Amino acid sequence: ARRFEAAMEDPAVSAVVLNLDTPGGEVAGAFDLHDQIRAARGRKPIHAVASDLAASAGYLIASAADEISITRTGYAGSVGVVMRHVDFSRALDAEGIRVTHVFAGAHKVDGNPYEPLPEEVRAQLQAEVERTYGLFTATVAASRGLKEGRVRATEAQVYMGELAVEAGLADHVET
């Protein structure tokens, strides 16, 4: 974000290229960076390039640019959300290890990896995933000028080259 803003402020820089090669990452900060880039549209040309991979949070960032290019063998997409829970309780039992939580607040240890995931906690986590997915698809749709249903219809697939253009996730196939 700091480097992007420095480029936007530098009078010697006539345009900004976001050269992306990333499978994505965590949601933390990704929407803020997207919003910063999108708000800068019109000040200088902003071009994103999926030179190999612009997926998930990486694609969210790319979608903020004025336009997106992708190489013939580059991939774009993965507009989806994943959260994982790992249950180590049986493995710990087999090793004779017992974990005891000492905590305050009924939900403080929700989703911990030392016990099975209760259905009510799973439902809460699923609702959080769905809320984040809605934010993701709406943000990409607005930035790309697409209907949200078209973004959701990708079902978090990644698309190579020309197929990304056909899906509306990129504008041009080029290096």
Protein backbone atom coordinates (compact mmCIF):
# COMPACT_ATOMS: atom_id res chain seq x y z
CA ALA A 1 0.00 0.00 0.00
CA ARG A 2 2.83 2.39 0.84
CA ARG A 3 4.67 1.62 -2.41
CA PHE A 4 1.47 2.05 -4.41
CA GLU A 5 0.76 5.43 -2.83
CA ALA A 6 4.37 6.51 -3.35
CA ALA A 7 4.07 5.67 -7.05
CA MET A 8 0.80 7.56 -7.27
CA GLU A 9 2.41 10.62 -5.67
CA ASP A 10 5.63 10.48 -7.72
CA PRO A 11 5.42 12.95 -10.66
CA ALA A 12 7.99 10.84 -12.55
CA VAL A 13 5.58 7.86 -12.58
CA SER A 14 3.06 8.10 -15.40
CA ALA A 15 1.23 4.81 -14.74
CA VAL A 16 1.22 1.99 -12.21
CA VAL A 17 1.45 -1.71 -13.07
CA LEU A 18 0.43 -4.23 -10.46
CA ASN A 19 2.39 -7.33 -11.52
CA LEU A 20 0.67 -10.19 -9.71
CA ASP A 21 1.86 -13.73 -9.18
CA THR A 22 0.04 -14.88 -6.07
CA PRO A 23 -2.40 -17.57 -4.97
CA GLY A 24 -3.94 -14.99 -2.65
CA GLY A 25 -3.79 -15.04 1.09
CA GLU A 26 -5.68 -13.82 4.07
CA VAL A 27 -8.59 -11.43 3.97
CA ALA A 28 -6.93 -9.11 6.51
CA GLY A 29 -5.95 -5.94 4.67
CA ALA A 30 -6.92 -7.15 1.20
CA PHE A 31 -10.17 -5.17 1.02
CA ASP A 32 -8.44 -2.06 2.36
CA LEU A 33 -5.74 -2.30 -0.32
CA HIS A 34 -8.40 -2.90 -2.97
CA ASP A 35 -10.27 0.21 -1.83
CA GLN A 36 -7.09 2.29 -1.81
CA ILE A 37 -6.26 1.25 -5.39
CA ARG A 38 -9.82 1.70 -6.65
CA ALA A 39 -10.07 5.16 -5.07
CA ALA A 40 -6.93 6.16 -6.97
CA ARG A 41 -8.51 5.41 -10.37
CA GLY A 42 -8.43 8.46 -12.58
CA ARG A 43 -5.32 9.97 -11.02
CA LYS A 44 -3.00 7.81 -13.19
CA PRO A 45 -3.59 4.68 -15.26
CA ILE A 46 -3.53 1.58 -13.06
CA HIS A 47 -2.98 -1.71 -14.84
CA ALA A 48 -2.94 -5.17 -13.24
CA VAL A 49 -1.16 -8.08 -14.90
CA ALA A 50 -1.82 -11.70 -13.97
CA SER A 51 1.59 -12.74 -15.23
CA ASP A 52 1.25 -16.17 -13.72
CA LEU A 53 -1.43 -16.15 -11.06
CA ALA A 54 -3.84 -13.60 -9.61
CA ALA A 55 -6.09 -15.67 -7.39
CA SER A 56 -8.33 -15.08 -4.39
CA ALA A 57 -7.09 -12.02 -2.44
CA GLY A 58 -4.58 -11.40 -5.25
CA TYR A 59 -7.44 -11.23 -7.72
CA LEU A 60 -9.39 -8.94 -5.39
CA ILE A 61 -6.45 -6.52 -5.53
CA ALA A 62 -6.16 -6.87 -9.32
CA SER A 63 -9.88 -6.13 -9.74
CA ALA A 64 -9.32 -2.63 -8.34
CA ALA A 65 -7.18 -1.64 -11.33
CA ASP A 66 -8.49 0.18 -14.39
CA GLU A 67 -7.87 -2.94 -16.45
CA ILE A 68 -6.46 -6.43 -16.08
CA SER A 69 -4.19 -8.24 -18.51
CA ILE A 70 -3.34 -11.90 -18.31
CA THR A 71 -0.68 -13.94 -20.07
CA ARG A 72 -1.69 -16.87 -22.28
CA THR A 73 -0.78 -19.29 -19.51
CA GLY A 74 -1.61 -17.04 -16.56
CA TYR A 75 -4.48 -17.78 -14.22
CA ALA A 76 -7.04 -15.48 -12.62
CA GLY A 77 -10.01 -16.03 -10.35
CA SER A 78 -10.60 -18.10 -7.24
CA VAL A 79 -13.20 -15.60 -6.05
CA GLY A 80 -14.15 -17.58 -3.00
CA VAL A 81 -13.56 -17.93 0.72
CA VAL A 82 -12.20 -20.83 2.73
CA MET A 83 -11.82 -21.37 6.46
CA ARG A 84 -10.40 -24.51 7.98
CA HIS A 85 -10.87 -26.33 11.25
CA VAL A 86 -8.53 -29.14 12.20
CA ASP A 87 -9.61 -31.55 14.92
CA PHE A 88 -6.57 -33.08 16.66
CA SER A 89 -8.61 -34.55 19.53
CA ARG A 90 -8.40 -38.21 18.46
CA ALA A 91 -4.68 -37.97 17.71
CA LEU A 92 -4.09 -36.39 21.10
CA ASP A 93 -6.22 -39.08 22.78
CA ALA A 94 -4.12 -41.76 21.07
CA GLU A 95 -1.00 -40.15 22.51
CA GLY A 96 -2.54 -39.81 25.95
CA ILE A 97 -2.57 -36.03 25.75
CA ARG A 98 -5.48 -34.06 27.13
CA VAL A 99 -5.94 -30.33 26.59
CA THR A 100 -7.83 -28.35 29.20
CA HIS A 101 -9.05 -24.86 28.37
CA VAL A 102 -9.25 -22.31 31.14
CA PHE A 103 -11.15 -19.36 29.73
CA ALA A 104 -13.70 -16.64 30.23
CA GLY A 105 -16.42 -15.86 27.70
CA ALA A 106 -18.63 -18.62 26.36
CA HIS A 107 -17.23 -18.39 22.83
CA LYS A 108 -13.54 -17.82 23.63
CA VAL A 109 -12.46 -21.32 22.57
CA ASP A 110 -14.93 -21.80 19.70
CA GLY A 111 -13.27 -23.66 16.84
CA ASN A 112 -10.16 -24.69 18.76
CA PRO A 113 -8.26 -27.62 17.20
CA TYR A 114 -8.29 -29.78 20.33
CA GLU A 115 -11.90 -30.91 20.15
CA PRO A 116 -14.50 -31.70 17.48
CA LEU A 117 -16.24 -28.69 15.96
CA PRO A 118 -19.72 -28.33 17.49
CA GLU A 119 -22.47 -27.91 14.89
CA GLU A 120 -23.56 -24.52 16.26
CA VAL A 121 -19.97 -23.21 15.99
CA ARG A 122 -19.68 -24.65 12.48
CA ALA A 123 -22.89 -22.83 11.54
CA GLN A 124 -21.49 -19.54 12.91
CA LEU A 125 -18.25 -20.00 10.97
CA GLN A 126 -20.19 -20.86 7.81
CA ALA A 127 -22.24 -17.68 8.22
CA GLU A 128 -19.01 -15.67 8.53
CA VAL A 129 -17.64 -17.33 5.37
CA GLU A 130 -20.88 -16.51 3.52
CA ARG A 131 -20.75 -12.85 4.64
CA THR A 132 -17.14 -12.53 3.49
CA TYR A 133 -17.98 -14.28 0.20
CA GLY A 134 -20.80 -11.79 -0.39
CA LEU A 135 -18.45 -8.89 0.26
CA PHE A 136 -15.86 -10.45 -2.08
CA THR A 137 -18.23 -11.11 -4.96
CA ALA A 138 -19.95 -7.71 -4.63
CA THR A 139 -16.61 -5.90 -4.54
CA VAL A 140 -15.23 -7.71 -7.59
CA ALA A 141 -18.49 -7.21 -9.48
CA ALA A 142 -18.56 -3.48 -8.77
CA SER A 143 -14.89 -3.02 -9.66
CA ARG A 144 -15.13 -5.03 -12.86
CA GLY A 145 -18.53 -3.69 -13.94
CA LEU A 146 -20.08 -7.15 -13.80
CA LYS A 147 -23.30 -8.44 -12.31
CA GLU A 148 -22.64 -10.15 -9.00
CA GLY A 149 -24.36 -13.29 -10.25
CA ARG A 150 -21.77 -13.61 -13.00
CA VAL A 151 -18.97 -13.45 -10.45
CA ARG A 152 -20.70 -15.99 -8.20
CA ALA A 153 -21.23 -18.26 -11.21
CA THR A 154 -17.47 -18.77 -11.41
CA GLU A 155 -17.83 -20.85 -8.21
CA ALA A 156 -14.27 -19.84 -7.24
CA GLN A 157 -12.71 -21.42 -10.32
CA VAL A 158 -9.47 -20.14 -11.78
CA TYR A 159 -9.33 -19.43 -15.50
CA MET A 160 -6.32 -19.49 -17.80
CA GLY A 161 -5.60 -16.79 -20.37
CA GLU A 162 -8.44 -16.26 -22.84
CA LEU A 163 -10.89 -18.13 -20.59
CA ALA A 164 -10.32 -15.46 -17.91
CA VAL A 165 -11.23 -12.81 -20.48
CA GLU A 166 -14.36 -14.76 -21.46
CA ALA A 167 -15.34 -15.01 -17.78
CA GLY A 168 -14.99 -11.23 -17.41
CA LEU A 169 -12.08 -11.54 -15.01
CA ALA A 170 -9.52 -10.02 -17.39
CA ASP A 171 -9.60 -7.58 -20.29
CA HIS A 172 -6.68 -8.62 -22.50
CA VAL A 173 -4.34 -11.54 -23.11
CA GLU A 174 -0.86 -10.02 -23.29
CA THR A 175 2.45 -9.95 -21.50
